[in-house]
């Protein structure tokens, strides 16, 4: 088969469409013939040499895919060769074939084409596990997501609205903010021109956000705590703004707030399977019913993954960038 390999850490040119050995499914795994994968920020960080795959995972980038089951490993039940699926991966999505634990499979939602389904596993698992399973966003609460125009952001807006939350977003352009508004965002903040803490306090009467989903990290830590409401929950899932910051613990204690950091890729298989089961139960009906939809910025051949990474790094896209095998 062919896969995108990383010749050595570096720029997009490090991604090379190469011939590699076919994978073989182990106990509890299935082999998927990949139809499409999607680009995630983590793929860029892996290419740069800062985010190695977990032990035993495929060395190729790609944290989600869609395709058809080509073979079942020992001990797999409930799935059949030929089933159309999408899957959460620890790596290997940028390839013509990939093996995945059966607990990380999802059926393609009713009414959705197989290529578009590749958009769903990583963002739905990330948003549902963090916003709802960890931070417990409830109807009527105010939710802030940074990077509202990203794949994570566009999904977070829709899921938060679907459960009845008031949604605020930050984004860096009028086009991205308009896309968020069309998805249901109530509060639009241009982080290049506005201070998100001031704007959020202005529109909430000084209360702030009950839940914040943050991809920035250190750069936003203190301001995120300032933006939290009493009993607020800050969930950090990215480090685009750095790893290390100081925090006024007095502000945290005064607000009786919580700061949580999570990642998805390296979790034990049982935890991933539980998240996928929750996504199938809670999110898949919303997708099938048309209340939640993936936002696709563009679709490109997988052999052009280097160009897709350039698009990702320019941050001009809205939603997901798809790669077709």
C-alpha atoms as a PDB file:
ATOM      1  CA  UNK A   1       0.000   0.000   0.000  1.00  0.00           C
ATOM      2  CA  UNK A   2       0.950   3.679  -0.001  1.00  0.00           C
ATOM      3  CA  UNK A   3       1.052   5.982   3.007  1.00  0.00           C
ATOM      4  CA  UNK A   4       2.289   9.436   3.893  1.00  0.00           C
ATOM      5  CA  UNK A   5       5.610   8.981   5.661  1.00  0.00           C
ATOM      6  CA  UNK A   6       7.649  11.597   7.515  1.00  0.00           C
ATOM      7  CA  UNK A   7      11.185  11.487   6.131  1.00  0.00           C
ATOM      8  CA  UNK A   8      12.505  13.628   8.971  1.00  0.00           C
ATOM      9  CA  UNK A   9      10.893  16.255  11.207  1.00  0.00           C
ATOM     10  CA  UNK A  10      10.404  19.552   9.433  1.00  0.00           C
ATOM     11  CA  UNK A  11       8.149  21.498   7.107  1.00  0.00           C
ATOM     12  CA  UNK A  12       5.333  20.184   4.923  1.00  0.00           C
ATOM     13  CA  UNK A  13       7.877  18.893   2.410  1.00  0.00           C
ATOM     14  CA  UNK A  14       8.762  16.189   4.963  1.00  0.00           C
ATOM     15  CA  UNK A  15       5.500  14.428   4.067  1.00  0.00           C
ATOM     16  CA  UNK A  16       6.140  11.884   1.296  1.00  0.00           C
ATOM     17  CA  UNK A  17       3.671   9.497  -0.401  1.00  0.00           C
ATOM     18  CA  UNK A  18       5.610   6.236  -0.084  1.00  0.00           C
ATOM     19  CA  UNK A  19       5.130   2.520  -0.639  1.00  0.00           C
ATOM     20  CA  UNK A  20       5.025   0.721   2.712  1.00  0.00           C
ATOM     21  CA  UNK A  21       4.048  -2.746   4.004  1.00  0.00           C
ATOM     22  CA  UNK A  22       0.362  -3.553   4.420  1.00  0.00           C
ATOM     23  CA  UNK A  23      -0.803  -3.620   8.057  1.00  0.00           C
ATOM     24  CA  UNK A  24      -2.261  -6.820   9.547  1.00  0.00           C
ATOM     25  CA  UNK A  25      -5.055  -6.650  12.142  1.00  0.00           C
ATOM     26  CA  UNK A  26      -4.179  -7.954  15.589  1.00  0.00           C
ATOM     27  CA  UNK A  27      -6.502  -9.339  18.254  1.00  0.00           C
ATOM     28  CA  UNK A  28      -9.547  -7.088  18.541  1.00  0.00           C
ATOM     29  CA  UNK A  29      -8.674  -4.987  15.490  1.00  0.00           C
ATOM     30  CA  UNK A  30     -10.142  -4.511  12.039  1.00  0.00           C
ATOM     31  CA  UNK A  31      -8.387  -3.571   8.801  1.00  0.00           C
ATOM     32  CA  UNK A  32      -9.930  -0.596   6.994  1.00  0.00           C
ATOM     33  CA  UNK A  33      -9.473   0.231   3.334  1.00  0.00           C
ATOM     34  CA  UNK A  34      -9.254   3.994   3.710  1.00  0.00           C
ATOM     35  CA  UNK A  35     -11.427   6.216   1.542  1.00  0.00           C
ATOM     36  CA  UNK A  36     -10.624   9.500   3.287  1.00  0.00           C
ATOM     37  CA  UNK A  37      -8.812  10.979   6.263  1.00  0.00           C
ATOM     38  CA  UNK A  38      -8.754  14.482   7.722  1.00  0.00           C
ATOM     39  CA  UNK A  39      -6.023  16.897   8.741  1.00  0.00           C
ATOM     40  CA  UNK A  40      -5.744  17.782  12.423  1.00  0.00           C
ATOM     41  CA  UNK A  41      -3.418  20.236  14.143  1.00  0.00           C
ATOM     42  CA  UNK A  42      -1.823  17.281  15.939  1.00  0.00           C
ATOM     43  CA  UNK A  43      -0.670  15.937  12.558  1.00  0.00           C
ATOM     44  CA  UNK A  44       1.253  19.155  11.984  1.00  0.00           C
ATOM     45  CA  UNK A  45       2.897  18.914  15.402  1.00  0.00           C
ATOM     46  CA  UNK A  46       3.830  15.272  14.733  1.00  0.00           C
ATOM     47  CA  UNK A  47       5.386  16.241  11.399  1.00  0.00           C
ATOM     48  CA  UNK A  48       7.450  18.879  13.179  1.00  0.00           C
ATOM     49  CA  UNK A  49       8.818  16.236  15.537  1.00  0.00           C
ATOM     50  CA  UNK A  50       7.025  17.275  18.730  1.00  0.00           C
ATOM     51  CA  UNK A  51       4.221  14.701  19.035  1.00  0.00           C
ATOM     52  CA  UNK A  52       5.295  11.091  18.652  1.00  0.00           C
ATOM     53  CA  UNK A  53       2.635   8.389  18.234  1.00  0.00           C
ATOM     54  CA  UNK A  54       1.842   6.303  21.326  1.00  0.00           C
ATOM     55  CA  UNK A  55       3.762   3.010  21.665  1.00  0.00           C
ATOM     56  CA  UNK A  56       2.501   0.449  19.190  1.00  0.00           C
ATOM     57  CA  UNK A  57       0.604   2.955  17.037  1.00  0.00           C
ATOM     58  CA  UNK A  58       1.186   3.478  13.330  1.00  0.00           C
ATOM     59  CA  UNK A  59       4.078   5.864  12.614  1.00  0.00           C
ATOM     60  CA  UNK A  60       2.104   7.592   9.862  1.00  0.00           C
ATOM     61  CA  UNK A  61       0.050  10.711  10.643  1.00  0.00           C
ATOM     62  CA  UNK A  62      -3.722  10.746  10.623  1.00  0.00           C
ATOM     63  CA  UNK A  63      -6.017  10.539  13.660  1.00  0.00           C
ATOM     64  CA  UNK A  64      -9.265   9.641  11.893  1.00  0.00           C
ATOM     65  CA  UNK A  65     -10.488   8.037   8.705  1.00  0.00           C
ATOM     66  CA  UNK A  66     -13.466   6.631   6.853  1.00  0.00           C
ATOM     67  CA  UNK A  67     -13.573   3.569   4.642  1.00  0.00           C
ATOM     68  CA  UNK A  68     -14.688  -0.044   4.371  1.00  0.00           C
ATOM     69  CA  UNK A  69     -13.744  -2.954   6.579  1.00  0.00           C
ATOM     70  CA  UNK A  70     -11.403  -5.238   4.615  1.00  0.00           C
ATOM     71  CA  UNK A  71     -10.620  -7.850   7.280  1.00  0.00           C
ATOM     72  CA  UNK A  72     -11.440  -8.743  10.883  1.00  0.00           C
ATOM     73  CA  UNK A  73      -8.781  -9.637  13.393  1.00  0.00           C
ATOM     74  CA  UNK A  74      -9.265 -12.439  15.937  1.00  0.00           C
ATOM     75  CA  UNK A  75     -11.977 -11.822  18.516  1.00  0.00           C
ATOM     76  CA  UNK A  76     -13.893  -9.109  16.630  1.00  0.00           C
ATOM     77  CA  UNK A  77     -17.678  -9.333  16.596  1.00  0.00           C
ATOM     78  CA  UNK A  78     -20.471  -6.980  15.621  1.00  0.00           C
ATOM     79  CA  UNK A  79     -18.764  -5.858  12.405  1.00  0.00           C
ATOM     80  CA  UNK A  80     -18.448  -7.481   8.970  1.00  0.00           C
ATOM     81  CA  UNK A  81     -16.176  -7.205   5.956  1.00  0.00           C
ATOM     82  CA  UNK A  82     -17.607  -4.548   3.664  1.00  0.00           C
ATOM     83  CA  UNK A  83     -19.163  -2.405   6.412  1.00  0.00           C
ATOM     84  CA  UNK A  84     -18.768   1.322   5.795  1.00  0.00           C
ATOM     85  CA  UNK A  85     -17.275   2.938   8.885  1.00  0.00           C
ATOM     86  CA  UNK A  86     -15.342   5.850  10.264  1.00  0.00           C
ATOM     87  CA  UNK A  87     -12.797   5.486  13.021  1.00  0.00           C
ATOM     88  CA  UNK A  88     -10.806   7.262  15.708  1.00  0.00           C
ATOM     89  CA  UNK A  89      -7.113   6.409  15.271  1.00  0.00           C
ATOM     90  CA  UNK A  90      -3.905   6.750  17.249  1.00  0.00           C
ATOM     91  CA  UNK A  91      -2.177   7.238  13.878  1.00  0.00           C
ATOM     92  CA  UNK A  92      -2.052   5.876  10.349  1.00  0.00           C
ATOM     93  CA  UNK A  93      -4.989   7.638   8.712  1.00  0.00           C
ATOM     94  CA  UNK A  94      -2.852   9.100   5.916  1.00  0.00           C
ATOM     95  CA  UNK A  95      -2.673   5.728   4.182  1.00  0.00           C
ATOM     96  CA  UNK A  96      -4.576   3.380   1.913  1.00  0.00           C
ATOM     97  CA  UNK A  97      -5.104   0.894   4.755  1.00  0.00           C
ATOM     98  CA  UNK A  98      -5.055   1.124   8.535  1.00  0.00           C
ATOM     99  CA  UNK A  99      -5.737  -1.173  11.493  1.00  0.00           C
ATOM    100  CA  UNK A 100      -7.880   0.076  14.358  1.00  0.00           C
ATOM    101  CA  UNK A 101      -9.322  -1.427  17.555  1.00  0.00           C
ATOM    102  CA  UNK A 102     -12.953  -2.371  16.970  1.00  0.00           C
ATOM    103  CA  UNK A 103     -14.008  -0.240  19.944  1.00  0.00           C
ATOM    104  CA  UNK A 104     -12.972   2.877  18.023  1.00  0.00           C
ATOM    105  CA  UNK A 105     -15.245   2.222  15.040  1.00  0.00           C
ATOM    106  CA  UNK A 106     -18.409   4.120  14.250  1.00  0.00           C
ATOM    107  CA  UNK A 107     -20.963   3.435  11.520  1.00  0.00           C
ATOM    108  CA  UNK A 108     -21.306   6.121   8.873  1.00  0.00           C
ATOM    109  CA  UNK A 109     -24.244   8.292   9.993  1.00  0.00           C
ATOM    110  CA  UNK A 110     -27.474   7.859   8.067  1.00  0.00           C
ATOM    111  CA  UNK A 111     -27.602  10.145   5.045  1.00  0.00           C
ATOM    112  CA  UNK A 112     -23.894  10.994   5.016  1.00  0.00           C
ATOM    113  CA  UNK A 113     -21.453  10.091   2.255  1.00  0.00           C
ATOM    114  CA  UNK A 114     -18.413   8.020   3.124  1.00  0.00           C
ATOM    115  CA  UNK A 115     -15.825  10.715   2.358  1.00  0.00           C
ATOM    116  CA  UNK A 116     -17.462  13.360   4.550  1.00  0.00           C
ATOM    117  CA  UNK A 117     -17.705  10.891   7.438  1.00  0.00           C
ATOM    118  CA  UNK A 118     -13.909  11.115   7.799  1.00  0.00           C
ATOM    119  CA  UNK A 119     -14.469  14.575   9.362  1.00  0.00           C
ATOM    120  CA  UNK A 120     -16.308  13.245  12.357  1.00  0.00           C
ATOM    121  CA  UNK A 121     -14.434  10.862  14.684  1.00  0.00           C
ATOM    122  CA  UNK A 122     -11.702  13.106  16.085  1.00  0.00           C
ATOM    123  CA  UNK A 123     -13.773  16.270  16.510  1.00  0.00           C
ATOM    124  CA  UNK A 124     -16.847  14.583  17.927  1.00  0.00           C
ATOM    125  CA  UNK A 125     -14.790  12.484  20.351  1.00  0.00           C
ATOM    126  CA  UNK A 126     -12.743  15.511  21.413  1.00  0.00           C
ATOM    127  CA  UNK A 127     -15.688  17.835  21.902  1.00  0.00           C
ATOM    128  CA  UNK A 128     -18.036  15.353  23.551  1.00  0.00           C
ATOM    129  CA  UNK A 129     -15.426  13.963  25.937  1.00  0.00           C
ATOM    130  CA  UNK A 130     -14.154  17.369  27.029  1.00  0.00           C
ATOM    131  CA  UNK A 131     -17.162  19.662  26.954  1.00  0.00           C
ATOM    132  CA  UNK A 132     -19.734  17.182  28.218  1.00  0.00           C
ATOM    133  CA  UNK A 133     -18.014  14.211  29.895  1.00  0.00           C
ATOM    134  CA  UNK A 134     -15.311  16.305  31.654  1.00  0.00           C
ATOM    135  CA  UNK A 135     -16.712  19.848  31.965  1.00  0.00           C
ATOM    136  CA  UNK A 136     -20.404  18.816  32.144  1.00  0.00           C
ATOM    137  CA  UNK A 137     -21.818  21.703  30.107  1.00  0.00           C
ATOM    138  CA  UNK A 138     -25.501  22.094  30.930  1.00  0.00           C
ATOM    139  CA  UNK A 139     -28.478  23.765  29.218  1.00  0.00           C
ATOM    140  CA  UNK A 140     -28.575  27.495  29.858  1.00  0.00           C
ATOM    141  CA  UNK A 141     -24.879  27.805  30.652  1.00  0.00           C
ATOM    142  CA  UNK A 142     -22.482  30.027  28.718  1.00  0.00           C
ATOM    143  CA  UNK A 143     -19.804  28.221  26.721  1.00  0.00           C
ATOM    144  CA  UNK A 144     -16.705  29.805  25.139  1.00  0.00           C
ATOM    145  CA  UNK A 145     -14.649  28.004  22.516  1.00  0.00           C
ATOM    146  CA  UNK A 146     -11.410  29.463  21.210  1.00  0.00           C
ATOM    147  CA  UNK A 147     -10.666  28.944  17.522  1.00  0.00           C
ATOM    148  CA  UNK A 148     -14.322  28.826  16.575  1.00  0.00           C
ATOM    149  CA  UNK A 149     -13.557  28.443  12.865  1.00  0.00           C
ATOM    150  CA  UNK A 150     -11.499  25.268  13.331  1.00  0.00           C
ATOM    151  CA  UNK A 151     -12.765  21.726  12.988  1.00  0.00           C
ATOM    152  CA  UNK A 152     -13.017  21.460  16.777  1.00  0.00           C
ATOM    153  CA  UNK A 153     -14.606  24.897  17.026  1.00  0.00           C
ATOM    154  CA  UNK A 154     -17.277  24.397  14.393  1.00  0.00           C
ATOM    155  CA  UNK A 155     -18.326  21.119  16.003  1.00  0.00           C
ATOM    156  CA  UNK A 156     -18.228  22.549  19.532  1.00  0.00           C
ATOM    157  CA  UNK A 157     -20.513  25.422  18.547  1.00  0.00           C
ATOM    158  CA  UNK A 158     -23.118  23.051  17.144  1.00  0.00           C
ATOM    159  CA  UNK A 159     -23.069  20.523  19.976  1.00  0.00           C
ATOM    160  CA  UNK A 160     -23.238  23.212  22.649  1.00  0.00           C
ATOM    161  CA  UNK A 161     -26.208  24.822  20.913  1.00  0.00           C
ATOM    162  CA  UNK A 162     -27.874  21.436  20.521  1.00  0.00           C
ATOM    163  CA  UNK A 163     -27.927  20.988  24.302  1.00  0.00           C
ATOM    164  CA  UNK A 164     -29.220  24.508  24.894  1.00  0.00           C
ATOM    165  CA  UNK A 165     -26.101  26.438  25.889  1.00  0.00           C
ATOM    166  CA  UNK A 166     -25.284  30.058  25.042  1.00  0.00           C
ATOM    167  CA  UNK A 167     -22.209  29.962  22.805  1.00  0.00           C
ATOM    168  CA  UNK A 168     -19.348  32.439  22.485  1.00  0.00           C
ATOM    169  CA  UNK A 169     -16.468  32.051  20.050  1.00  0.00           C
ATOM    170  CA  UNK A 170     -13.159  33.708  19.309  1.00  0.00           C
ATOM    171  CA  UNK A 171     -11.796  33.768  15.772  1.00  0.00           C
ATOM    172  CA  UNK A 172      -9.357  35.852  13.776  1.00  0.00           C
ATOM    173  CA  UNK A 173     -11.386  37.000  10.774  1.00  0.00           C
ATOM    174  CA  UNK A 174     -14.828  38.258   9.823  1.00  0.00           C
ATOM    175  CA  UNK A 175     -15.365  35.256   7.555  1.00  0.00           C
ATOM    176  CA  UNK A 176     -14.681  32.796  10.369  1.00  0.00           C
ATOM    177  CA  UNK A 177     -16.928  34.680  12.767  1.00  0.00           C
ATOM    178  CA  UNK A 178     -19.715  34.719  10.187  1.00  0.00           C
ATOM    179  CA  UNK A 179     -19.342  30.964   9.707  1.00  0.00           C
ATOM    180  CA  UNK A 180     -19.678  30.542  13.474  1.00  0.00           C
ATOM    181  CA  UNK A 181     -22.760  32.761  13.528  1.00  0.00           C
ATOM    182  CA  UNK A 182     -24.366  30.628  10.824  1.00  0.00           C
ATOM    183  CA  UNK A 183     -23.691  27.538  12.953  1.00  0.00           C
ATOM    184  CA  UNK A 184     -25.479  29.131  15.906  1.00  0.00           C
ATOM    185  CA  UNK A 185     -22.863  31.086  17.879  1.00  0.00           C
ATOM    186  CA  UNK A 186     -24.429  33.869  19.955  1.00  0.00           C
ATOM    187  CA  UNK A 187     -21.338  35.908  20.884  1.00  0.00           C
ATOM    188  CA  UNK A 188     -18.695  36.642  18.238  1.00  0.00           C
ATOM    189  CA  UNK A 189     -15.274  37.927  19.324  1.00  0.00           C
ATOM    190  CA  UNK A 190     -12.463  38.885  16.927  1.00  0.00           C
ATOM    191  CA  UNK A 191      -9.395  38.102  19.037  1.00  0.00           C
ATOM    192  CA  UNK A 192      -7.209  40.286  16.800  1.00  0.00           C
ATOM    193  CA  UNK A 193      -9.295  43.390  17.506  1.00  0.00           C
ATOM    194  CA  UNK A 194     -11.066  42.673  20.801  1.00  0.00           C
ATOM    195  CA  UNK A 195     -10.179  41.445  24.290  1.00  0.00           C
ATOM    196  CA  UNK A 196     -12.215  38.298  24.795  1.00  0.00           C
ATOM    197  CA  UNK A 197     -12.366  38.737  28.589  1.00  0.00           C
ATOM    198  CA  UNK A 198     -13.803  42.249  28.301  1.00  0.00           C
ATOM    199  CA  UNK A 199     -16.254  41.276  25.571  1.00  0.00           C
ATOM    200  CA  UNK A 200     -17.470  38.211  27.422  1.00  0.00           C
ATOM    201  CA  UNK A 201     -17.994  40.150  30.654  1.00  0.00           C
ATOM    202  CA  UNK A 202     -19.790  42.872  28.724  1.00  0.00           C
ATOM    203  CA  UNK A 203     -22.372  40.567  27.179  1.00  0.00           C
ATOM    204  CA  UNK A 204     -22.844  38.387  30.275  1.00  0.00           C
ATOM    205  CA  UNK A 205     -23.220  41.242  32.742  1.00  0.00           C
ATOM    206  CA  UNK A 206     -19.865  40.466  34.321  1.00  0.00           C
ATOM    207  CA  UNK A 207     -20.682  36.803  34.980  1.00  0.00           C
ATOM    208  CA  UNK A 208     -18.372  35.157  32.416  1.00  0.00           C
ATOM    209  CA  UNK A 209     -18.319  31.682  30.895  1.00  0.00           C
ATOM    210  CA  UNK A 210     -19.332  28.519  32.708  1.00  0.00           C
ATOM    211  CA  UNK A 211     -17.197  26.343  30.423  1.00  0.00           C
ATOM    212  CA  UNK A 212     -14.215  27.285  28.235  1.00  0.00           C
ATOM    213  CA  UNK A 213     -12.630  24.948  25.676  1.00  0.00           C
ATOM    214  CA  UNK A 214      -9.098  26.177  24.973  1.00  0.00           C
ATOM    215  CA  UNK A 215      -6.585  25.198  22.282  1.00  0.00           C
ATOM    216  CA  UNK A 216      -4.105  27.985  23.056  1.00  0.00           C
ATOM    217  CA  UNK A 217      -2.620  26.991  26.405  1.00  0.00           C
ATOM    218  CA  UNK A 218      -0.128  29.143  28.294  1.00  0.00           C
ATOM    219  CA  UNK A 219      -0.784  32.415  26.477  1.00  0.00           C
ATOM    220  CA  UNK A 220      -4.450  32.385  27.466  1.00  0.00           C
ATOM    221  CA  UNK A 221      -4.304  30.704  30.881  1.00  0.00           C
ATOM    222  CA  UNK A 222      -4.634  33.738  33.158  1.00  0.00           C
ATOM    223  CA  UNK A 223      -7.152  35.455  30.875  1.00  0.00           C
ATOM    224  CA  UNK A 224      -9.235  32.304  30.626  1.00  0.00           C
ATOM    225  CA  UNK A 225      -9.465  32.166  34.416  1.00  0.00           C
ATOM    226  CA  UNK A 226     -10.480  35.851  34.399  1.00  0.00           C
ATOM    227  CA  UNK A 227     -13.189  34.975  31.879  1.00  0.00           C
ATOM    228  CA  UNK A 228     -14.625  32.108  33.952  1.00  0.00           C
ATOM    229  CA  UNK A 229     -17.807  32.425  35.935  1.00  0.00           C
ATOM    230  CA  UNK A 230     -18.039  31.289  39.537  1.00  0.00           C
ATOM    231  CA  UNK A 231     -17.878  27.469  39.503  1.00  0.00           C
ATOM    232  CA  UNK A 232     -16.551  27.679  35.948  1.00  0.00           C
ATOM    233  CA  UNK A 233     -14.592  24.911  34.214  1.00  0.00           C
ATOM    234  CA  UNK A 234     -11.629  25.507  31.897  1.00  0.00           C
ATOM    235  CA  UNK A 235     -10.568  22.569  29.720  1.00  0.00           C
ATOM    236  CA  UNK A 236      -7.221  22.916  27.928  1.00  0.00           C
ATOM    237  CA  UNK A 237      -6.721  20.632  24.928  1.00  0.00           C
ATOM    238  CA  UNK A 238      -3.947  22.412  22.996  1.00  0.00           C
ATOM    239  CA  UNK A 239      -0.680  24.252  23.435  1.00  0.00           C
ATOM    240  CA  UNK A 240      -0.543  26.547  20.413  1.00  0.00           C
ATOM    241  CA  UNK A 241       0.295  29.445  22.736  1.00  0.00           C
ATOM    242  CA  UNK A 242       2.938  27.648  24.787  1.00  0.00           C
ATOM    243  CA  UNK A 243       3.315  25.149  27.623  1.00  0.00           C
ATOM    244  CA  UNK A 244       4.284  27.211  30.694  1.00  0.00           C
ATOM    245  CA  UNK A 245       2.464  30.078  32.425  1.00  0.00           C
ATOM    246  CA  UNK A 246       1.914  31.589  35.856  1.00  0.00           C
ATOM    247  CA  UNK A 247      -1.513  31.466  37.428  1.00  0.00           C
ATOM    248  CA  UNK A 248      -2.997  33.473  40.293  1.00  0.00           C
ATOM    249  CA  UNK A 249      -4.385  30.653  42.424  1.00  0.00           C
ATOM    250  CA  UNK A 250      -6.293  33.196  44.478  1.00  0.00           C
ATOM    251  CA  UNK A 251      -8.429  34.022  41.444  1.00  0.00           C
ATOM    252  CA  UNK A 252      -9.078  30.320  40.927  1.00  0.00           C
ATOM    253  CA  UNK A 253     -10.052  29.790  44.560  1.00  0.00           C
ATOM    254  CA  UNK A 254     -12.280  32.852  44.648  1.00  0.00           C
ATOM    255  CA  UNK A 255     -14.256  31.549  41.696  1.00  0.00           C
ATOM    256  CA  UNK A 256     -14.255  27.951  42.969  1.00  0.00           C
ATOM    257  CA  UNK A 257     -13.184  27.145  39.417  1.00  0.00           C
ATOM    258  CA  UNK A 258     -11.488  24.124  37.875  1.00  0.00           C
ATOM    259  CA  UNK A 259      -8.690  23.940  35.302  1.00  0.00           C
ATOM    260  CA  UNK A 260      -8.366  20.613  33.508  1.00  0.00           C
ATOM    261  CA  UNK A 261      -5.989  19.424  30.818  1.00  0.00           C
ATOM    262  CA  UNK A 262      -6.757  16.444  28.630  1.00  0.00           C
ATOM    263  CA  UNK A 263      -5.537  14.618  25.552  1.00  0.00           C
ATOM    264  CA  UNK A 264      -7.209  11.892  23.521  1.00  0.00           C
ATOM    265  CA  UNK A 265      -4.566  10.123  21.448  1.00  0.00           C
ATOM    266  CA  UNK A 266      -2.665   8.389  24.236  1.00  0.00           C
ATOM    267  CA  UNK A 267      -5.623   7.264  26.350  1.00  0.00           C
ATOM    268  CA  UNK A 268      -6.073   3.572  27.138  1.00  0.00           C
ATOM    269  CA  UNK A 269      -8.191   1.636  24.634  1.00  0.00           C
ATOM    270  CA  UNK A 270     -10.998   1.154  27.153  1.00  0.00           C
ATOM    271  CA  UNK A 271     -11.310   4.917  27.682  1.00  0.00           C
ATOM    272  CA  UNK A 272     -11.382   5.573  23.940  1.00  0.00           C
ATOM    273  CA  UNK A 273     -14.017   2.891  23.469  1.00  0.00           C
ATOM    274  CA  UNK A 274     -16.158   4.492  26.188  1.00  0.00           C
ATOM    275  CA  UNK A 275     -15.867   7.889  24.500  1.00  0.00           C
ATOM    276  CA  UNK A 276     -16.774   6.431  21.105  1.00  0.00           C
ATOM    277  CA  UNK A 277     -19.783   4.659  22.642  1.00  0.00           C
ATOM    278  CA  UNK A 278     -20.932   7.972  24.137  1.00  0.00           C
ATOM    279  CA  UNK A 279     -20.475   9.738  20.802  1.00  0.00           C
ATOM    280  CA  UNK A 280     -22.538   7.066  19.050  1.00  0.00           C
ATOM    281  CA  UNK A 281     -25.283   7.396  21.648  1.00  0.00           C
ATOM    282  CA  UNK A 282     -25.446  11.189  21.961  1.00  0.00           C
ATOM    283  CA  UNK A 283     -23.926  12.749  18.833  1.00  0.00           C
ATOM    284  CA  UNK A 284     -24.810  10.357  16.009  1.00  0.00           C
ATOM    285  CA  UNK A 285     -28.590  10.987  16.322  1.00  0.00           C
ATOM    286  CA  UNK A 286     -27.935  14.738  16.068  1.00  0.00           C
ATOM    287  CA  UNK A 287     -25.873  14.215  12.904  1.00  0.00           C
ATOM    288  CA  UNK A 288     -28.416  11.848  11.350  1.00  0.00           C
ATOM    289  CA  UNK A 289     -31.202  14.302  12.181  1.00  0.00           C
ATOM    290  CA  UNK A 290     -29.382  17.229  10.560  1.00  0.00           C
ATOM    291  CA  UNK A 291     -28.985  19.247  13.768  1.00  0.00           C
ATOM    292  CA  UNK A 292     -25.188  18.855  13.667  1.00  0.00           C
ATOM    293  CA  UNK A 293     -23.056  18.669  10.527  1.00  0.00           C
ATOM    294  CA  UNK A 294     -19.367  18.531   9.746  1.00  0.00           C
ATOM    295  CA  UNK A 295     -17.978  21.646   8.082  1.00  0.00           C
ATOM    296  CA  UNK A 296     -15.662  20.816   5.167  1.00  0.00           C
ATOM    297  CA  UNK A 297     -13.325  23.549   3.951  1.00  0.00           C
ATOM    298  CA  UNK A 298     -11.827  21.545   1.064  1.00  0.00           C
ATOM    299  CA  UNK A 299     -10.978  18.048  -0.156  1.00  0.00           C
ATOM    300  CA  UNK A 300      -7.552  17.159  -1.542  1.00  0.00           C
ATOM    301  CA  UNK A 301      -5.808  13.959  -2.711  1.00  0.00           C
ATOM    302  CA  UNK A 302      -3.890  12.278   0.093  1.00  0.00           C
ATOM    303  CA  UNK A 303      -0.738  12.380  -2.016  1.00  0.00           C
ATOM    304  CA  UNK A 304      -0.958  16.187  -1.651  1.00  0.00           C
ATOM    305  CA  UNK A 305      -0.862  16.068   2.148  1.00  0.00           C
ATOM    306  CA  UNK A 306       2.050  18.515   2.186  1.00  0.00           C
ATOM    307  CA  UNK A 307      -0.104  21.189   0.551  1.00  0.00           C
ATOM    308  CA  UNK A 308      -2.947  20.399   2.951  1.00  0.00           C
ATOM    309  CA  UNK A 309      -0.576  21.040   5.864  1.00  0.00           C
ATOM    310  CA  UNK A 310       0.400  24.383   4.337  1.00  0.00           C
ATOM    311  CA  UNK A 311      -3.277  25.333   4.238  1.00  0.00           C
ATOM    312  CA  UNK A 312      -3.672  24.246   7.872  1.00  0.00           C
ATOM    313  CA  UNK A 313      -0.675  26.303   8.990  1.00  0.00           C
ATOM    314  CA  UNK A 314      -1.964  29.412   7.187  1.00  0.00           C
ATOM    315  CA  UNK A 315      -5.152  29.134   9.286  1.00  0.00           C
ATOM    316  CA  UNK A 316      -7.284  30.473   6.453  1.00  0.00           C
ATOM    317  CA  UNK A 317      -9.606  27.456   6.420  1.00  0.00           C
ATOM    318  CA  UNK A 318     -12.960  27.030   8.143  1.00  0.00           C
ATOM    319  CA  UNK A 319     -13.768  23.545   9.418  1.00  0.00           C
ATOM    320  CA  UNK A 320     -12.004  20.418   8.224  1.00  0.00           C
ATOM    321  CA  UNK A 321      -9.526  19.680   5.440  1.00  0.00           C
ATOM    322  CA  UNK A 322     -10.134  16.224   3.946  1.00  0.00           C
ATOM    323  CA  UNK A 323      -7.639  13.918   2.238  1.00  0.00           C
ATOM    324  CA  UNK A 324      -8.971  11.274  -0.147  1.00  0.00           C
ATOM    325  CA  UNK A 325      -7.097   8.045  -0.751  1.00  0.00           C
END
